[in-house]
Every structure is written in C-alpha cells, then in structure tokens.
Amino acid sequence: MANDMKFEVPAEMRELAEKSVAQAKQAFDGFIAATQHAVGTAETQVKTLQTGAKDAGGLAMKFAERNVAASFDFARKLLHARDAQEVTALQAEYVKSQLAALTDQAKELSQQAAKMTGQG
C-alpha cells in the first residue's frame, strides 16, 4: 500500500526551487569569475615585480662593476703619479667623477623602482 502512494511536488514549490537553484548558480558563477580575475591580477603583478627586481639587480651589478673598474683605474693612476700635487689632482678628479656616477646611478635606480611600483 505504501508503494501506491505518489509524492507530487506542487508546481509553485518546484518553480521556487528552480529559481533558487538558478540564483545560487548565478551567484557562484559571479564568485568564480571574481576569484579568477583576482588571481589573474595577482599573477600579473607578481610577474611584473619579478621582472622589475631582476632588472634592478642587473642594474645594481652593472653599477658595481663600473664603480670597481673606476676604483682600479684610479689606483693605477695613483701608482704613476709623480708628486703630491698630481695625487691631489687625481683624487679630486676621482671624487668628482664618482659623485657624478653615483648621482646618475641613484637616479636610474629610483626610475627602476618607480617602474616596479607602477609609478613610472
């Protein structure tokens, strides 16, 4: 006798359940789309920062090599100086050129940092 009983869902309840499922799916799809967008944005920012950090590191190495070469060149010139006056002139020239180089290098590094932070 229990097998003879039929269970019918009223049309209004079925319609309400279908609308609820459709709304839940729409909300879930929106959540997934927003999450995918956030992940994509984060990946792009990480790649940009990695590239920027690599470029900044390369720039710093280039500057270090240039500065060390200038120091060795200065030391070589000092070895060939004939008197104290020439040593003083060489020292003044070296300090002046290094200050100019360091100023330029700081400018380049700050420009690189601005690129990395999206301000350049």
PDB file of N, CA and C in Angstrom:
ATOM      1  N   MET A   1       0.801  -1.172   0.000  1.00  0.00           N
ATOM      2  CA  MET A   1       0.000   0.000   0.000  1.00  0.00           C
ATOM      3  C   MET A   1       0.865   1.266   0.000  1.00  0.00           C
ATOM      4  N   ALA A   2       1.992   1.192   0.705  1.00  0.00           N
ATOM      5  CA  ALA A   2       2.899   2.326   0.747  1.00  0.00           C
ATOM      6  C   ALA A   2       3.482   2.602  -0.629  1.00  0.00           C
ATOM      7  N   ASN A   3       3.600   1.570  -1.446  1.00  0.00           N
ATOM      8  CA  ASN A   3       4.140   1.744  -2.794  1.00  0.00           C
ATOM      9  C   ASN A   3       3.161   2.434  -3.714  1.00  0.00           C
ATOM     10  N   ASP A   4       1.906   2.431  -3.378  1.00  0.00           N
ATOM     11  CA  ASP A   4       0.889   3.033  -4.239  1.00  0.00           C
ATOM     12  C   ASP A   4       0.817   4.546  -4.077  1.00  0.00           C
ATOM     13  N   MET A   5       1.424   5.054  -3.004  1.00  0.00           N
ATOM     14  CA  MET A   5       1.337   6.492  -2.763  1.00  0.00           C
ATOM     15  C   MET A   5       2.302   7.233  -3.679  1.00  0.00           C
ATOM     16  N   LYS A   6       1.817   8.250  -4.313  1.00  0.00           N
ATOM     17  CA  LYS A   6       2.639   9.092  -5.167  1.00  0.00           C
ATOM     18  C   LYS A   6       2.892  10.409  -4.447  1.00  0.00           C
ATOM     19  N   PHE A   7       4.144  10.863  -4.579  1.00  0.00           N
ATOM     20  CA  PHE A   7       4.502  12.135  -3.972  1.00  0.00           C
ATOM     21  C   PHE A   7       4.668  13.141  -5.089  1.00  0.00           C
ATOM     22  N   GLU A   8       3.884  14.176  -5.055  1.00  0.00           N
ATOM     23  CA  GLU A   8       3.976  15.210  -6.064  1.00  0.00           C
ATOM     24  C   GLU A   8       4.383  16.522  -5.407  1.00  0.00           C
ATOM     25  N   VAL A   9       5.350  17.181  -6.052  1.00  0.00           N
ATOM     26  CA  VAL A   9       5.776  18.494  -5.595  1.00  0.00           C
ATOM     27  C   VAL A   9       4.876  19.503  -6.270  1.00  0.00           C
ATOM     28  N   PRO A  10       4.265  20.356  -5.475  1.00  0.00           N
ATOM     29  CA  PRO A  10       3.387  21.369  -6.092  1.00  0.00           C
ATOM     30  C   PRO A  10       4.185  22.241  -7.076  1.00  0.00           C
ATOM     31  N   ALA A  11       3.575  22.692  -8.101  1.00  0.00           N
ATOM     32  CA  ALA A  11       4.216  23.471  -9.159  1.00  0.00           C
ATOM     33  C   ALA A  11       4.866  24.733  -8.606  1.00  0.00           C
ATOM     34  N   GLU A  12       4.218  25.370  -7.648  1.00  0.00           N
ATOM     35  CA  GLU A  12       4.778  26.591  -7.066  1.00  0.00           C
ATOM     36  C   GLU A  12       6.089  26.294  -6.343  1.00  0.00           C
ATOM     37  N   MET A  13       6.140  25.205  -5.619  1.00  0.00           N
ATOM     38  CA  MET A  13       7.363  24.830  -4.898  1.00  0.00           C
ATOM     39  C   MET A  13       8.477  24.459  -5.873  1.00  0.00           C
ATOM     40  N   ARG A  14       8.127  23.735  -6.926  1.00  0.00           N
ATOM     41  CA  ARG A  14       9.115  23.356  -7.937  1.00  0.00           C
ATOM     42  C   ARG A  14       9.679  24.599  -8.602  1.00  0.00           C
ATOM     43  N   GLU A  15       8.802  25.547  -8.937  1.00  0.00           N
ATOM     44  CA  GLU A  15       9.229  26.789  -9.573  1.00  0.00           C
ATOM     45  C   GLU A  15      10.143  27.591  -8.636  1.00  0.00           C
ATOM     46  N   LEU A  16       9.772  27.666  -7.360  1.00  0.00           N
ATOM     47  CA  LEU A  16      10.589  28.370  -6.376  1.00  0.00           C
ATOM     48  C   LEU A  16      11.950  27.693  -6.215  1.00  0.00           C
ATOM     49  N   ALA A  17      11.984  26.369  -6.176  1.00  0.00           N
ATOM     50  CA  ALA A  17      13.247  25.631  -6.046  1.00  0.00           C
ATOM     51  C   ALA A  17      14.124  25.858  -7.272  1.00  0.00           C
ATOM     52  N   GLU A  18      13.535  25.852  -8.458  1.00  0.00           N
ATOM     53  CA  GLU A  18      14.299  26.075  -9.685  1.00  0.00           C
ATOM     54  C   GLU A  18      14.888  27.485  -9.702  1.00  0.00           C
ATOM     55  N   LYS A  19      14.101  28.480  -9.277  1.00  0.00           N
ATOM     56  CA  LYS A  19      14.606  29.855  -9.215  1.00  0.00           C
ATOM     57  C   LYS A  19      15.736  29.962  -8.194  1.00  0.00           C
ATOM     58  N   SER A  20      15.579  29.299  -7.057  1.00  0.00           N
ATOM     59  CA  SER A  20      16.621  29.339  -6.025  1.00  0.00           C
ATOM     60  C   SER A  20      17.912  28.713  -6.527  1.00  0.00           C
ATOM     61  N   VAL A  21      17.801  27.596  -7.200  1.00  0.00           N
ATOM     62  CA  VAL A  21      18.986  26.939  -7.749  1.00  0.00           C
ATOM     63  C   VAL A  21      19.627  27.824  -8.807  1.00  0.00           C
ATOM     64  N   ALA A  22      18.829  28.443  -9.665  1.00  0.00           N
ATOM     65  CA  ALA A  22      19.371  29.315 -10.709  1.00  0.00           C
ATOM     66  C   ALA A  22      20.070  30.522 -10.092  1.00  0.00           C
ATOM     67  N   GLN A  23      19.479  31.100  -9.057  1.00  0.00           N
ATOM     68  CA  GLN A  23      20.107  32.249  -8.393  1.00  0.00           C
ATOM     69  C   GLN A  23      21.402  31.843  -7.694  1.00  0.00           C
ATOM     70  N   ALA A  24      21.400  30.687  -7.064  1.00  0.00           N
ATOM     71  CA  ALA A  24      22.616  30.211  -6.393  1.00  0.00           C
ATOM     72  C   ALA A  24      23.719  29.964  -7.417  1.00  0.00           C
ATOM     73  N   LYS A  25      23.362  29.377  -8.563  1.00  0.00           N
ATOM     74  CA  LYS A  25      24.352  29.133  -9.620  1.00  0.00           C
ATOM     75  C   LYS A  25      24.886  30.453 -10.155  1.00  0.00           C
ATOM     76  N   GLN A  26      24.026  31.428 -10.346  1.00  0.00           N
ATOM     77  CA  GLN A  26      24.447  32.738 -10.838  1.00  0.00           C
ATOM     78  C   GLN A  26      25.400  33.401  -9.827  1.00  0.00           C
ATOM     79  N   ALA A  27      25.085  33.327  -8.551  1.00  0.00           N
ATOM     80  CA  ALA A  27      25.952  33.905  -7.523  1.00  0.00           C
ATOM     81  C   ALA A  27      27.292  33.184  -7.491  1.00  0.00           C
ATOM     82  N   PHE A  28      27.268  31.864  -7.587  1.00  0.00           N
ATOM     83  CA  PHE A  28      28.502  31.084  -7.580  1.00  0.00           C
ATOM     84  C   PHE A  28      29.346  31.418  -8.808  1.00  0.00           C
ATOM     85  N   ASP A  29      28.731  31.517  -9.972  1.00  0.00           N
ATOM     86  CA  ASP A  29      29.463  31.870 -11.193  1.00  0.00           C
ATOM     87  C   ASP A  29      30.098  33.249 -11.059  1.00  0.00           C
ATOM     88  N   GLY A  30      29.392  34.184 -10.457  1.00  0.00           N
ATOM     89  CA  GLY A  30      29.946  35.520 -10.225  1.00  0.00           C
ATOM     90  C   GLY A  30      31.132  35.469  -9.280  1.00  0.00           C
ATOM     91  N   PHE A  31      31.028  34.654  -8.237  1.00  0.00           N
ATOM     92  CA  PHE A  31      32.124  34.497  -7.284  1.00  0.00           C
ATOM     93  C   PHE A  31      33.346  33.898  -7.980  1.00  0.00           C
ATOM     94  N   ILE A  32      33.135  32.878  -8.787  1.00  0.00           N
ATOM     95  CA  ILE A  32      34.241  32.226  -9.506  1.00  0.00           C
ATOM     96  C   ILE A  32      34.891  33.218 -10.471  1.00  0.00           C
ATOM     97  N   ALA A  33      34.097  33.993 -11.191  1.00  0.00           N
ATOM     98  CA  ALA A  33      34.648  34.967 -12.132  1.00  0.00           C
ATOM     99  C   ALA A  33      35.482  36.017 -11.391  1.00  0.00           C
ATOM    100  N   ALA A  34      34.985  36.492 -10.258  1.00  0.00           N
ATOM    101  CA  ALA A  34      35.733  37.489  -9.482  1.00  0.00           C
ATOM    102  C   ALA A  34      37.030  36.891  -8.942  1.00  0.00           C
ATOM    103  N   THR A  35      36.981  35.643  -8.495  1.00  0.00           N
ATOM    104  CA  THR A  35      38.174  34.973  -7.982  1.00  0.00           C
ATOM    105  C   THR A  35      39.207  34.791  -9.091  1.00  0.00           C
ATOM    106  N   GLN A  36      38.754  34.361 -10.250  1.00  0.00           N
ATOM    107  CA  GLN A  36      39.671  34.185 -11.375  1.00  0.00           C
ATOM    108  C   GLN A  36      40.305  35.508 -11.779  1.00  0.00           C
ATOM    109  N   HIS A  37      39.537  36.574 -11.758  1.00  0.00           N
ATOM    110  CA  HIS A  37      40.076  37.896 -12.079  1.00  0.00           C
ATOM    111  C   HIS A  37      41.126  38.314 -11.048  1.00  0.00           C
ATOM    112  N   ALA A  38      40.831  38.094  -9.777  1.00  0.00           N
ATOM    113  CA  ALA A  38      41.776  38.452  -8.710  1.00  0.00           C
ATOM    114  C   ALA A  38      43.071  37.651  -8.836  1.00  0.00           C
ATOM    115  N   VAL A  39      42.958  36.370  -9.119  1.00  0.00           N
ATOM    116  CA  VAL A  39      44.144  35.526  -9.277  1.00  0.00           C
ATOM    117  C   VAL A  39      44.961  35.989 -10.487  1.00  0.00           C
ATOM    118  N   GLY A  40      44.290  36.289 -11.587  1.00  0.00           N
ATOM    119  CA  GLY A  40      44.990  36.775 -12.780  1.00  0.00           C
ATOM    120  C   GLY A  40      45.716  38.083 -12.522  1.00  0.00           C
ATOM    121  N   THR A  41      45.059  38.983 -11.809  1.00  0.00           N
ATOM    122  CA  THR A  41      45.684  40.266 -11.471  1.00  0.00           C
ATOM    123  C   THR A  41      46.900  40.048 -10.581  1.00  0.00           C
ATOM    124  N   ALA A  42      46.766  39.178  -9.590  1.00  0.00           N
ATOM    125  CA  ALA A  42      47.891  38.897  -8.687  1.00  0.00           C
ATOM    126  C   ALA A  42      49.061  38.285  -9.451  1.00  0.00           C
ATOM    127  N   GLU A  43      48.774  37.363 -10.364  1.00  0.00           N
ATOM    128  CA  GLU A  43      49.840  36.729 -11.150  1.00  0.00           C
ATOM    129  C   GLU A  43      50.572  37.763 -11.994  1.00  0.00           C
ATOM    130  N   THR A  44      49.825  38.673 -12.599  1.00  0.00           N
ATOM    131  CA  THR A  44      50.434  39.725 -13.417  1.00  0.00           C
ATOM    132  C   THR A  44      51.324  40.619 -12.571  1.00  0.00           C
ATOM    133  N   GLN A  45      50.845  40.986 -11.383  1.00  0.00           N
ATOM    134  CA  GLN A  45      51.639  41.844 -10.504  1.00  0.00           C
ATOM    135  C   GLN A  45      52.905  41.139 -10.038  1.00  0.00           C
ATOM    136  N   VAL A  46      52.803  39.855  -9.730  1.00  0.00           N
ATOM    137  CA  VAL A  46      53.982  39.102  -9.297  1.00  0.00           C
ATOM    138  C   VAL A  46      55.006  39.033 -10.425  1.00  0.00           C
ATOM    139  N   LYS A  47      54.543  38.754 -11.638  1.00  0.00           N
ATOM    140  CA  LYS A  47      55.462  38.694 -12.780  1.00  0.00           C
ATOM    141  C   LYS A  47      56.133  40.041 -13.009  1.00  0.00           C
ATOM    142  N   THR A  48      55.370  41.118 -12.895  1.00  0.00           N
ATOM    143  CA  THR A  48      55.925  42.452 -13.067  1.00  0.00           C
ATOM    144  C   THR A  48      56.985  42.735 -12.008  1.00  0.00           C
ATOM    145  N   LEU A  49      56.691  42.385 -10.757  1.00  0.00           N
ATOM    146  CA  LEU A  49      57.653  42.606  -9.679  1.00  0.00           C
ATOM    147  C   LEU A  49      58.903  41.752  -9.858  1.00  0.00           C
ATOM    148  N   GLN A  50      58.717  40.499 -10.294  1.00  0.00           N
ATOM    149  CA  GLN A  50      59.878  39.634 -10.514  1.00  0.00           C
ATOM    150  C   GLN A  50      60.774  40.203 -11.605  1.00  0.00           C
ATOM    151  N   THR A  51      60.160  40.629 -12.696  1.00  0.00           N
ATOM    152  CA  THR A  51      60.926  41.209 -13.795  1.00  0.00           C
ATOM    153  C   THR A  51      61.623  42.484 -13.335  1.00  0.00           C
ATOM    154  N   GLY A  52      60.898  43.315 -12.606  1.00  0.00           N
ATOM    155  CA  GLY A  52      61.477  44.559 -12.108  1.00  0.00           C
ATOM    156  C   GLY A  52      62.625  44.313 -11.152  1.00  0.00           C
ATOM    157  N   ALA A  53      62.464  43.326 -10.268  1.00  0.00           N
ATOM    158  CA  ALA A  53      63.533  43.011  -9.310  1.00  0.00           C
ATOM    159  C   ALA A  53      64.757  42.475 -10.044  1.00  0.00           C
ATOM    160  N   LYS A  54      64.530  41.656 -11.053  1.00  0.00           N
ATOM    161  CA  LYS A  54      65.647  41.124 -11.838  1.00  0.00           C
ATOM    162  C   LYS A  54      66.366  42.262 -12.561  1.00  0.00           C
ATOM    163  N   ASP A  55      65.594  43.172 -13.147  1.00  0.00           N
ATOM    164  CA  ASP A  55      66.192  44.309 -13.844  1.00  0.00           C
ATOM    165  C   ASP A  55      66.970  45.198 -12.876  1.00  0.00           C
ATOM    166  N   ALA A  56      66.402  45.442 -11.694  1.00  0.00           N
ATOM    167  CA  ALA A  56      67.081  46.279 -10.698  1.00  0.00           C
ATOM    168  C   ALA A  56      68.369  45.610 -10.227  1.00  0.00           C
ATOM    169  N   GLY A  57      68.336  44.301 -10.049  1.00  0.00           N
ATOM    170  CA  GLY A  57      69.545  43.571  -9.654  1.00  0.00           C
ATOM    171  C   GLY A  57      70.622  43.656 -10.716  1.00  0.00           C
ATOM    172  N   GLY A  58      70.224  43.519 -11.958  1.00  0.00           N
ATOM    173  CA  GLY A  58      71.175  43.642 -13.070  1.00  0.00           C
ATOM    174  C   GLY A  58      71.764  45.040 -13.155  1.00  0.00           C
ATOM    175  N   LEU A  59      70.917  46.020 -12.917  1.00  0.00           N
ATOM    176  CA  LEU A  59      71.373  47.405 -12.930  1.00  0.00           C
ATOM    177  C   LEU A  59      72.375  47.649 -11.807  1.00  0.00           C
ATOM    178  N   ALA A  60      72.068  47.141 -10.618  1.00  0.00           N
ATOM    179  CA  ALA A  60      72.981  47.301  -9.478  1.00  0.00           C
ATOM    180  C   ALA A  60      74.322  46.616  -9.746  1.00  0.00           C
ATOM    181  N   MET A  61      74.296  45.443 -10.359  1.00  0.00           N
ATOM    182  CA  MET A  61      75.548  44.746 -10.691  1.00  0.00           C
ATOM    183  C   MET A  61      76.361  45.544 -11.717  1.00  0.00           C
ATOM    184  N   LYS A  62      75.673  46.104 -12.696  1.00  0.00           N
ATOM    185  CA  LYS A  62      76.355  46.917 -13.705  1.00  0.00           C
ATOM    186  C   LYS A  62      77.030  48.117 -13.035  1.00  0.00           C
ATOM    187  N   PHE A  63      76.324  48.739 -12.108  1.00  0.00           N
ATOM    188  CA  PHE A  63      76.897  49.889 -11.400  1.00  0.00           C
ATOM    189  C   PHE A  63      78.092  49.465 -10.553  1.00  0.00           C
ATOM    190  N   ALA A  64      77.965  48.345  -9.871  1.00  0.00           N
ATOM    191  CA  ALA A  64      79.067  47.868  -9.026  1.00  0.00           C
ATOM    192  C   ALA A  64      80.304  47.595  -9.873  1.00  0.00           C
ATOM    193  N   GLU A  65      80.111  46.943 -11.013  1.00  0.00           N
ATOM    194  CA  GLU A  65      81.245  46.666 -11.905  1.00  0.00           C
ATOM    195  C   GLU A  65      81.886  47.961 -12.384  1.00  0.00           C
ATOM    196  N   ARG A  66      81.072  48.928 -12.752  1.00  0.00           N
ATOM    197  CA  ARG A  66      81.581  50.216 -13.229  1.00  0.00           C
ATOM    198  C   ARG A  66      82.357  50.935 -12.116  1.00  0.00           C
ATOM    199  N   ASN A  67      81.817  50.893 -10.894  1.00  0.00           N
ATOM    200  CA  ASN A  67      82.471  51.584  -9.783  1.00  0.00           C
ATOM    201  C   ASN A  67      83.792  50.910  -9.392  1.00  0.00           C
ATOM    202  N   VAL A  68      83.811  49.593  -9.419  1.00  0.00           N
ATOM    203  CA  VAL A  68      85.055  48.877  -9.102  1.00  0.00           C
ATOM    204  C   VAL A  68      86.104  49.159 -10.180  1.00  0.00           C
ATOM    205  N   ALA A  69      85.683  49.161 -11.437  1.00  0.00           N
ATOM    206  CA  ALA A  69      86.618  49.462 -12.530  1.00  0.00           C
ATOM    207  C   ALA A  69      87.186  50.876 -12.380  1.00  0.00           C
ATOM    208  N   ALA A  70      86.340  51.816 -11.996  1.00  0.00           N
ATOM    209  CA  ALA A  70      86.810  53.192 -11.799  1.00  0.00           C
ATOM    210  C   ALA A  70      87.807  53.256 -10.648  1.00  0.00           C
ATOM    211  N   SER A  71      87.556  52.482  -9.601  1.00  0.00           N
ATOM    212  CA  SER A  71      88.478  52.466  -8.457  1.00  0.00           C
ATOM    213  C   SER A  71      89.836  51.888  -8.851  1.00  0.00           C
ATOM    214  N   PHE A  72      89.834  50.805  -9.628  1.00  0.00           N
ATOM    215  CA  PHE A  72      91.102  50.233 -10.072  1.00  0.00           C
ATOM    216  C   PHE A  72      91.840  51.192 -11.010  1.00  0.00           C
ATOM    217  N   ASP A  73      91.081  51.860 -11.862  1.00  0.00           N
ATOM    218  CA  ASP A  73      91.705  52.834 -12.758  1.00  0.00           C
ATOM    219  C   ASP A  73      92.333  53.962 -11.943  1.00  0.00           C
ATOM    220  N   PHE A  74      91.645  54.423 -10.911  1.00  0.00           N
ATOM    221  CA  PHE A  74      92.182  55.461 -10.037  1.00  0.00           C
ATOM    222  C   PHE A  74      93.450  54.969  -9.344  1.00  0.00           C
ATOM    223  N   ALA A  75      93.419  53.740  -8.829  1.00  0.00           N
ATOM    224  CA  ALA A  75      94.600  53.180  -8.145  1.00  0.00           C
ATOM    225  C   ALA A  75      95.785  53.092  -9.117  1.00  0.00           C
ATOM    226  N   ARG A  76      95.514  52.677 -10.358  1.00  0.00           N
ATOM    227  CA  ARG A  76      96.587  52.585 -11.366  1.00  0.00           C
ATOM    228  C   ARG A  76      97.201  53.958 -11.636  1.00  0.00           C
ATOM    229  N   LYS A  77      96.325  54.972 -11.742  1.00  0.00           N
ATOM    230  CA  LYS A  77      96.816  56.337 -11.979  1.00  0.00           C
ATOM    231  C   LYS A  77      97.648  56.826 -10.790  1.00  0.00           C
ATOM    232  N   LEU A  78      97.216  56.494  -9.577  1.00  0.00           N
ATOM    233  CA  LEU A  78      97.970  56.908  -8.387  1.00  0.00           C
ATOM    234  C   LEU A  78      99.376  56.316  -8.378  1.00  0.00           C
ATOM    235  N   LEU A  79      99.493  55.078  -8.840  1.00  0.00           N
ATOM    236  CA  LEU A  79     100.805  54.422  -8.873  1.00  0.00           C
ATOM    237  C   LEU A  79     101.785  55.149  -9.785  1.00  0.00           C
ATOM    238  N   HIS A  80     101.259  55.856 -10.767  1.00  0.00           N
ATOM    239  CA  HIS A  80     102.120  56.551 -11.728  1.00  0.00           C
ATOM    240  C   HIS A  80     102.249  58.049 -11.437  1.00  0.00           C
ATOM    241  N   ALA A  81     101.631  58.494 -10.348  1.00  0.00           N
ATOM    242  CA  ALA A  81     101.720  59.925 -10.009  1.00  0.00           C
ATOM    243  C   ALA A  81     103.163  60.288  -9.651  1.00  0.00           C
ATOM    244  N   ARG A  82     103.583  61.482 -10.075  1.00  0.00           N
ATOM    245  CA  ARG A  82     104.968  61.900  -9.856  1.00  0.00           C
ATOM    246  C   ARG A  82     105.177  62.683  -8.565  1.00  0.00           C
ATOM    247  N   ASP A  83     104.074  63.313  -8.072  1.00  0.00           N
ATOM    248  CA  ASP A  83     104.239  64.118  -6.849  1.00  0.00           C
ATOM    249  C   ASP A  83     102.893  64.259  -6.130  1.00  0.00           C
ATOM    250  N   ALA A  84     102.937  64.905  -4.975  1.00  0.00           N
ATOM    251  CA  ALA A  84     101.740  65.067  -4.148  1.00  0.00           C
ATOM    252  C   ALA A  84     100.675  65.902  -4.847  1.00  0.00           C
ATOM    253  N   GLN A  85     101.120  66.866  -5.625  1.00  0.00           N
ATOM    254  CA  GLN A  85     100.176  67.716  -6.346  1.00  0.00           C
ATOM    255  C   GLN A  85      99.368  66.881  -7.350  1.00  0.00           C
ATOM    256  N   GLU A  86     100.027  65.992  -8.051  1.00  0.00           N
ATOM    257  CA  GLU A  86      99.332  65.123  -9.016  1.00  0.00           C
ATOM    258  C   GLU A  86      98.393  64.167  -8.286  1.00  0.00           C
ATOM    259  N   VAL A  87      98.819  63.645  -7.136  1.00  0.00           N
ATOM    260  CA  VAL A  87      97.960  62.767  -6.324  1.00  0.00           C
ATOM    261  C   VAL A  87      96.689  63.518  -5.916  1.00  0.00           C
ATOM    262  N   THR A  88      96.871  64.762  -5.487  1.00  0.00           N
ATOM    263  CA  THR A  88      95.726  65.580  -5.079  1.00  0.00           C
ATOM    264  C   THR A  88      94.790  65.826  -6.256  1.00  0.00           C
ATOM    265  N   ALA A  89      95.336  66.119  -7.411  1.00  0.00           N
ATOM    266  CA  ALA A  89      94.524  66.359  -8.609  1.00  0.00           C
ATOM    267  C   ALA A  89      93.777  65.088  -9.016  1.00  0.00           C
ATOM    268  N   LEU A  90      94.482  63.965  -8.967  1.00  0.00           N
ATOM    269  CA  LEU A  90      93.838  62.684  -9.302  1.00  0.00           C
ATOM    270  C   LEU A  90      92.708  62.370  -8.322  1.00  0.00           C
ATOM    271  N   GLN A  91      92.950  62.613  -7.043  1.00  0.00           N
ATOM    272  CA  GLN A  91      91.944  62.367  -6.012  1.00  0.00           C
ATOM    273  C   GLN A  91      90.713  63.237  -6.258  1.00  0.00           C
ATOM    274  N   ALA A  92      90.920  64.508  -6.541  1.00  0.00           N
ATOM    275  CA  ALA A  92      89.804  65.427  -6.801  1.00  0.00           C
ATOM    276  C   ALA A  92      89.010  64.992  -8.027  1.00  0.00           C
ATOM    277  N   GLU A  93      89.732  64.595  -9.074  1.00  0.00           N
ATOM    278  CA  GLU A  93      89.076  64.130 -10.303  1.00  0.00           C
ATOM    279  C   GLU A  93      88.255  62.861 -10.038  1.00  0.00           C
ATOM    280  N   TYR A  94      88.847  61.936  -9.281  1.00  0.00           N
ATOM    281  CA  TYR A  94      88.162  60.685  -8.966  1.00  0.00           C
ATOM    282  C   TYR A  94      86.897  60.944  -8.146  1.00  0.00           C
ATOM    283  N   VAL A  95      87.008  61.745  -7.115  1.00  0.00           N
ATOM    284  CA  VAL A  95      85.852  62.044  -6.260  1.00  0.00           C
ATOM    285  C   VAL A  95      84.750  62.712  -7.080  1.00  0.00           C
ATOM    286  N   LYS A  96      85.115  63.666  -7.912  1.00  0.00           N
ATOM    287  CA  LYS A  96      84.138  64.368  -8.746  1.00  0.00           C
ATOM    288  C   LYS A  96      83.432  63.401  -9.699  1.00  0.00           C
ATOM    289  N   SER A  97      84.197  62.544 -10.352  1.00  0.00           N
ATOM    290  CA  SER A  97      83.597  61.604 -11.306  1.00  0.00           C
ATOM    291  C   SER A  97      82.730  60.564 -10.591  1.00  0.00           C
ATOM    292  N   GLN A  98      83.158  60.126  -9.411  1.00  0.00           N
ATOM    293  CA  GLN A  98      82.368  59.144  -8.663  1.00  0.00           C
ATOM    294  C   GLN A  98      81.071  59.747  -8.133  1.00  0.00           C
ATOM    295  N   LEU A  99      81.119  60.996  -7.686  1.00  0.00           N
ATOM    296  CA  LEU A  99      79.888  61.660  -7.236  1.00  0.00           C
ATOM    297  C   LEU A  99      78.893  61.787  -8.383  1.00  0.00           C
ATOM    298  N   ALA A 100      79.387  62.152  -9.557  1.00  0.00           N
ATOM    299  CA  ALA A 100      78.514  62.251 -10.731  1.00  0.00           C
ATOM    300  C   ALA A 100      77.947  60.884 -11.094  1.00  0.00           C
ATOM    301  N   ALA A 101      78.795  59.850 -11.068  1.00  0.00           N
ATOM    302  CA  ALA A 101      78.345  58.495 -11.398  1.00  0.00           C
ATOM    303  C   ALA A 101      77.307  58.009 -10.382  1.00  0.00           C
ATOM    304  N   LEU A 102      77.558  58.228  -9.104  1.00  0.00           N
ATOM    305  CA  LEU A 102      76.623  57.784  -8.066  1.00  0.00           C
ATOM    306  C   LEU A 102      75.292  58.525  -8.160  1.00  0.00           C
ATOM    307  N   THR A 103      75.343  59.805  -8.512  1.00  0.00           N
ATOM    308  CA  THR A 103      74.106  60.569  -8.702  1.00  0.00           C
ATOM    309  C   THR A 103      73.295  59.982  -9.852  1.00  0.00           C
ATOM    310  N   ASP A 104      73.950  59.704 -10.974  1.00  0.00           N
ATOM    311  CA  ASP A 104      73.272  59.100 -12.123  1.00  0.00           C
ATOM    312  C   ASP A 104      72.726  57.716 -11.780  1.00  0.00           C
ATOM    313  N   GLN A 105      73.513  56.945 -11.049  1.00  0.00           N
ATOM    314  CA  GLN A 105      73.084  55.595 -10.681  1.00  0.00           C
ATOM    315  C   GLN A 105      71.875  55.638  -9.753  1.00  0.00           C
ATOM    316  N   ALA A 106      71.871  56.544  -8.802  1.00  0.00           N
ATOM    317  CA  ALA A 106      70.726  56.682  -7.894  1.00  0.00           C
ATOM    318  C   ALA A 106      69.479  57.079  -8.672  1.00  0.00           C
ATOM    319  N   LYS A 107      69.652  57.952  -9.649  1.00  0.00           N
ATOM    320  CA  LYS A 107      68.525  58.371 -10.491  1.00  0.00           C
ATOM    321  C   LYS A 107      67.969  57.179 -11.274  1.00  0.00           C
ATOM    322  N   GLU A 108      68.843  56.399 -11.873  1.00  0.00           N
ATOM    323  CA  GLU A 108      68.407  55.220 -12.639  1.00  0.00           C
ATOM    324  C   GLU A 108      67.709  54.200 -11.743  1.00  0.00           C
ATOM    325  N   LEU A 109      68.270  53.981 -10.559  1.00  0.00           N
ATOM    326  CA  LEU A 109      67.649  53.019  -9.638  1.00  0.00           C
ATOM    327  C   LEU A 109      66.285  53.501  -9.162  1.00  0.00           C
ATOM    328  N   SER A 110      66.130  54.788  -8.923  1.00  0.00           N
ATOM    329  CA  SER A 110      64.825  55.291  -8.495  1.00  0.00           C
ATOM    330  C   SER A 110      63.808  55.202  -9.637  1.00  0.00           C
ATOM    331  N   GLN A 111      64.264  55.405 -10.867  1.00  0.00           N
ATOM    332  CA  GLN A 111      63.374  55.224 -12.018  1.00  0.00           C
ATOM    333  C   GLN A 111      62.940  53.763 -12.146  1.00  0.00           C
ATOM    334  N   GLN A 112      63.876  52.847 -11.897  1.00  0.00           N
ATOM    335  CA  GLN A 112      63.559  51.424 -11.947  1.00  0.00           C
ATOM    336  C   GLN A 112      62.563  51.072 -10.843  1.00  0.00           C
ATOM    337  N   ALA A 113      62.755  51.622  -9.662  1.00  0.00           N
ATOM    338  CA  ALA A 113      61.826  51.366  -8.553  1.00  0.00           C
ATOM    339  C   ALA A 113      60.447  51.905  -8.874  1.00  0.00           C
ATOM    340  N   ALA A 114      60.392  53.069  -9.526  1.00  0.00           N
ATOM    341  CA  ALA A 114      59.101  53.641  -9.907  1.00  0.00           C
ATOM    342  C   ALA A 114      58.391  52.736 -10.923  1.00  0.00           C
ATOM    343  N   LYS A 115      59.140  52.166 -11.841  1.00  0.00           N
ATOM    344  CA  LYS A 115      58.547  51.223 -12.809  1.00  0.00           C
ATOM    345  C   LYS A 115      57.970  50.011 -12.090  1.00  0.00           C
ATOM    346  N   MET A 116      58.728  49.524 -11.098  1.00  0.00           N
ATOM    347  CA  MET A 116      58.284  48.326 -10.379  1.00  0.00           C
ATOM    348  C   MET A 116      56.997  48.582  -9.602  1.00  0.00           C
ATOM    349  N   THR A 117      56.824  49.791  -9.119  1.00  0.00           N
ATOM    350  CA  THR A 117      55.627  50.093  -8.322  1.00  0.00           C
ATOM    351  C   THR A 117      54.511  50.678  -9.178  1.00  0.00           C
ATOM    352  N   GLY A 118      54.748  50.751 -10.477  1.00  0.00           N
ATOM    353  CA  GLY A 118      53.711  51.234 -11.378  1.00  0.00           C
ATOM    354  C   GLY A 118      53.592  52.741 -11.416  1.00  0.00           C
ATOM    355  N   GLN A 119      54.588  53.445 -10.931  1.00  0.00           N
ATOM    356  CA  GLN A 119      54.542  54.902 -10.910  1.00  0.00           C
ATOM    357  C   GLN A 119      55.383  55.514 -12.018  1.00  0.00           C
ATOM    358  N   GLY A 120      56.000  54.661 -12.823  1.00  0.00           N
ATOM    359  CA  GLY A 120      56.899  55.196 -13.844  1.00  0.00           C
ATOM    360  C   GLY A 120      56.410  55.008 -15.230  1.00  0.00           C
TER     361      GLY A 120
END
